[in-house]
Amino acid sequence: MKKPVPKPTDAEMAILQVLWKRGPCTVREVHGDISPDRGTGYTTALKLLQIMAEKGMVRRDASQRAHVYEAACDEAAVKRSLVGELMDRAFDGSARQLVLHALEASDVSAEELRAIRRLLKDRGGDRP
């Protein structure tokens, strides 16, 4: 049976973003990355990582003095799950509405638009 995809909280997602970007990290490294944006204390970061380990979102290597944590969940699977949930909850399952709102909500660079066009073309989006 396939392991269910976790639904991280905002704080857990911030930590996962660090681990996906940097790879295995100590608590101090995670804290250093999330603290400027979130104002999170070291002990809060440690507690969040311990909770995430209990939930199976991260793995902890305790073989050294400073424990090292790494993401135990697949980045793409978590993001797909979160987008799918948002699409269902806010846009009645409509990918079109989700994309339209996402494009309206923020500035999109020319490079991002080219990538979106390529993706649509690759998925058959040019068909009438």
C-alpha atoms as a PDB file:
ATOM      1  CA  MET A   1       0.000   0.000   0.000  1.00  0.00           C
ATOM      2  CA  LYS A   2       1.254   3.472  -0.912  1.00  0.00           C
ATOM      3  CA  LYS A   3       2.227   5.782   1.945  1.00  0.00           C
ATOM      4  CA  PRO A   4      -0.150   8.778   2.170  1.00  0.00           C
ATOM      5  CA  VAL A   5       1.274  12.162   1.176  1.00  0.00           C
ATOM      6  CA  PRO A   6       1.657  14.408   4.236  1.00  0.00           C
ATOM      7  CA  LYS A   7      -0.229  17.696   4.538  1.00  0.00           C
ATOM      8  CA  PRO A   8       2.362  19.990   6.133  1.00  0.00           C
ATOM      9  CA  THR A   9       1.430  23.089   8.117  1.00  0.00           C
ATOM     10  CA  ASP A  10       2.875  26.428   6.967  1.00  0.00           C
ATOM     11  CA  ALA A  11       5.770  26.116   9.434  1.00  0.00           C
ATOM     12  CA  GLU A  12       6.453  22.513   8.393  1.00  0.00           C
ATOM     13  CA  MET A  13       6.352  23.544   4.729  1.00  0.00           C
ATOM     14  CA  ALA A  14       8.965  26.252   5.372  1.00  0.00           C
ATOM     15  CA  ILE A  15      11.259  23.611   6.881  1.00  0.00           C
ATOM     16  CA  LEU A  16      10.628  21.160   4.042  1.00  0.00           C
ATOM     17  CA  GLN A  17      11.468  23.895   1.513  1.00  0.00           C
ATOM     18  CA  VAL A  18      14.862  24.318   3.210  1.00  0.00           C
ATOM     19  CA  LEU A  19      15.541  20.567   3.252  1.00  0.00           C
ATOM     20  CA  TRP A  20      14.471  20.100  -0.372  1.00  0.00           C
ATOM     21  CA  LYS A  21      16.666  22.995  -1.463  1.00  0.00           C
ATOM     22  CA  ARG A  22      19.755  22.315   0.675  1.00  0.00           C
ATOM     23  CA  GLY A  23      19.572  18.597   1.376  1.00  0.00           C
ATOM     24  CA  PRO A  24      20.343  17.169   4.832  1.00  0.00           C
ATOM     25  CA  CYS A  25      20.787  19.922   7.464  1.00  0.00           C
ATOM     26  CA  THR A  26      21.367  20.387  11.160  1.00  0.00           C
ATOM     27  CA  VAL A  27      18.762  22.172  13.266  1.00  0.00           C
ATOM     28  CA  ARG A  28      21.045  25.228  13.316  1.00  0.00           C
ATOM     29  CA  GLU A  29      21.164  25.327   9.507  1.00  0.00           C
ATOM     30  CA  VAL A  30      17.384  24.985   9.195  1.00  0.00           C
ATOM     31  CA  HIS A  31      16.892  27.641  11.866  1.00  0.00           C
ATOM     32  CA  GLY A  32      19.313  29.979  10.061  1.00  0.00           C
ATOM     33  CA  ASP A  33      17.320  29.697   6.850  1.00  0.00           C
ATOM     34  CA  ILE A  34      13.798  30.061   8.273  1.00  0.00           C
ATOM     35  CA  SER A  35      14.478  32.513  11.121  1.00  0.00           C
ATOM     36  CA  PRO A  36      14.864  35.724   9.077  1.00  0.00           C
ATOM     37  CA  ASP A  37      11.491  35.253   7.363  1.00  0.00           C
ATOM     38  CA  ARG A  38       9.497  33.732  10.186  1.00  0.00           C
ATOM     39  CA  GLY A  39      11.165  34.938  13.383  1.00  0.00           C
ATOM     40  CA  THR A  40      11.320  31.334  14.569  1.00  0.00           C
ATOM     41  CA  GLY A  41      13.494  30.563  17.583  1.00  0.00           C
ATOM     42  CA  TYR A  42      16.022  27.721  17.640  1.00  0.00           C
ATOM     43  CA  THR A  43      14.032  25.634  20.123  1.00  0.00           C
ATOM     44  CA  THR A  44      10.876  26.071  18.025  1.00  0.00           C
ATOM     45  CA  ALA A  45      12.725  24.858  14.920  1.00  0.00           C
ATOM     46  CA  LEU A  46      14.048  21.874  16.911  1.00  0.00           C
ATOM     47  CA  LYS A  47      10.578  21.003  18.228  1.00  0.00           C
ATOM     48  CA  LEU A  48       9.047  21.289  14.747  1.00  0.00           C
ATOM     49  CA  LEU A  49      11.703  18.946  13.333  1.00  0.00           C
ATOM     50  CA  GLN A  50      11.063  16.449  16.149  1.00  0.00           C
ATOM     51  CA  ILE A  51       7.319  16.535  15.443  1.00  0.00           C
ATOM     52  CA  MET A  52       7.954  16.181  11.716  1.00  0.00           C
ATOM     53  CA  ALA A  53      10.162  13.145  12.403  1.00  0.00           C
ATOM     54  CA  GLU A  54       7.342  11.560  14.420  1.00  0.00           C
ATOM     55  CA  LYS A  55       4.949  12.213  11.506  1.00  0.00           C
ATOM     56  CA  GLY A  56       7.409  10.677   9.039  1.00  0.00           C
ATOM     57  CA  MET A  57       7.983  13.911   7.089  1.00  0.00           C
ATOM     58  CA  VAL A  58      11.704  13.997   7.912  1.00  0.00           C
ATOM     59  CA  ARG A  59      14.361  11.475   8.893  1.00  0.00           C
ATOM     60  CA  ARG A  60      16.878  12.161  11.640  1.00  0.00           C
ATOM     61  CA  ASP A  61      20.467  10.941  11.658  1.00  0.00           C
ATOM     62  CA  ALA A  62      21.568  10.911  15.295  1.00  0.00           C
ATOM     63  CA  SER A  63      24.973   9.346  14.639  1.00  0.00           C
ATOM     64  CA  GLN A  64      26.778  12.655  15.223  1.00  0.00           C
ATOM     65  CA  ARG A  65      26.562  15.183  18.032  1.00  0.00           C
ATOM     66  CA  ALA A  66      24.557  17.596  15.882  1.00  0.00           C
ATOM     67  CA  HIS A  67      21.574  15.654  14.558  1.00  0.00           C
ATOM     68  CA  VAL A  68      21.036  15.947  10.824  1.00  0.00           C
ATOM     69  CA  TYR A  69      17.560  16.020   9.313  1.00  0.00           C
ATOM     70  CA  GLU A  70      16.509  15.288   5.745  1.00  0.00           C
ATOM     71  CA  ALA A  71      13.166  15.347   3.979  1.00  0.00           C
ATOM     72  CA  ALA A  72      11.470  11.952   3.969  1.00  0.00           C
ATOM     73  CA  CYS A  73       8.657  12.993   1.642  1.00  0.00           C
ATOM     74  CA  ASP A  74       8.845  13.670  -2.071  1.00  0.00           C
ATOM     75  CA  GLU A  75       8.702  17.370  -2.959  1.00  0.00           C
ATOM     76  CA  ALA A  76       6.707  16.886  -6.156  1.00  0.00           C
ATOM     77  CA  ALA A  77       4.169  14.597  -4.469  1.00  0.00           C
ATOM     78  CA  VAL A  78       3.595  17.040  -1.581  1.00  0.00           C
ATOM     79  CA  LYS A  79       3.193  19.998  -3.935  1.00  0.00           C
ATOM     80  CA  ARG A  80       0.837  18.055  -6.242  1.00  0.00           C
ATOM     81  CA  SER A  81      -1.268  17.083  -3.250  1.00  0.00           C
ATOM     82  CA  LEU A  82      -1.448  20.662  -1.953  1.00  0.00           C
ATOM     83  CA  VAL A  83      -2.313  22.064  -5.388  1.00  0.00           C
ATOM     84  CA  GLY A  84      -4.938  19.367  -5.899  1.00  0.00           C
ATOM     85  CA  GLU A  85      -6.509  20.156  -2.547  1.00  0.00           C
ATOM     86  CA  LEU A  86      -6.523  23.904  -3.305  1.00  0.00           C
ATOM     87  CA  MET A  87      -7.999  23.267  -6.757  1.00  0.00           C
ATOM     88  CA  ASP A  88     -10.780  21.138  -5.267  1.00  0.00           C
ATOM     89  CA  ARG A  89     -11.538  23.456  -2.327  1.00  0.00           C
ATOM     90  CA  ALA A  90     -11.290  26.879  -3.955  1.00  0.00           C
ATOM     91  CA  PHE A  91     -11.869  26.271  -7.663  1.00  0.00           C
ATOM     92  CA  ASP A  92     -14.382  23.419  -7.731  1.00  0.00           C
ATOM     93  CA  GLY A  93     -11.792  21.119  -9.302  1.00  0.00           C
ATOM     94  CA  SER A  94     -11.079  23.468 -12.238  1.00  0.00           C
ATOM     95  CA  ALA A  95      -7.419  23.577 -13.249  1.00  0.00           C
ATOM     96  CA  ARG A  96      -8.298  26.403 -15.647  1.00  0.00           C
ATOM     97  CA  GLN A  97      -9.649  28.600 -12.850  1.00  0.00           C
ATOM     98  CA  LEU A  98      -6.670  27.790 -10.632  1.00  0.00           C
ATOM     99  CA  VAL A  99      -4.202  28.808 -13.343  1.00  0.00           C
ATOM    100  CA  LEU A 100      -6.125  31.953 -14.291  1.00  0.00           C
ATOM    101  CA  HIS A 101      -6.243  33.109 -10.679  1.00  0.00           C
ATOM    102  CA  ALA A 102      -2.569  32.284 -10.147  1.00  0.00           C
ATOM    103  CA  LEU A 103      -1.585  34.327 -13.213  1.00  0.00           C
ATOM    104  CA  GLU A 104      -3.776  37.253 -12.129  1.00  0.00           C
ATOM    105  CA  ALA A 105      -2.518  37.203  -8.541  1.00  0.00           C
ATOM    106  CA  SER A 106       1.146  37.926  -9.244  1.00  0.00           C
ATOM    107  CA  ASP A 107       3.576  39.307 -11.777  1.00  0.00           C
ATOM    108  CA  VAL A 108       4.696  36.584 -14.144  1.00  0.00           C
ATOM    109  CA  SER A 109       8.037  36.936 -15.883  1.00  0.00           C
ATOM    110  CA  ALA A 110       8.442  36.423 -19.620  1.00  0.00           C
ATOM    111  CA  GLU A 111      10.557  33.349 -18.835  1.00  0.00           C
ATOM    112  CA  GLU A 112       7.773  31.855 -16.687  1.00  0.00           C
ATOM    113  CA  LEU A 113       5.208  32.516 -19.429  1.00  0.00           C
ATOM    114  CA  ARG A 114       7.439  30.775 -21.991  1.00  0.00           C
ATOM    115  CA  ALA A 115       7.757  27.776 -19.673  1.00  0.00           C
ATOM    116  CA  ILE A 116       3.968  27.673 -19.191  1.00  0.00           C
ATOM    117  CA  ARG A 117       3.423  27.843 -22.966  1.00  0.00           C
ATOM    118  CA  ARG A 118       5.927  24.998 -23.515  1.00  0.00           C
ATOM    119  CA  LEU A 119       4.182  22.891 -20.877  1.00  0.00           C
ATOM    120  CA  LEU A 120       0.773  23.511 -22.463  1.00  0.00           C
ATOM    121  CA  LYS A 121       2.131  22.687 -25.903  1.00  0.00           C
ATOM    122  CA  ASP A 122       3.729  19.464 -24.603  1.00  0.00           C
ATOM    123  CA  ARG A 123       0.422  18.482 -22.982  1.00  0.00           C
ATOM    124  CA  GLY A 124      -1.548  19.074 -26.170  1.00  0.00           C
ATOM    125  CA  GLY A 125      -2.776  22.541 -25.200  1.00  0.00           C
ATOM    126  CA  ASP A 126      -2.542  23.838 -28.770  1.00  0.00           C
ATOM    127  CA  ARG A 127      -5.354  21.587 -29.978  1.00  0.00           C
ATOM    128  CA  PRO A 128      -8.598  23.355 -30.952  1.00  0.00           C
END
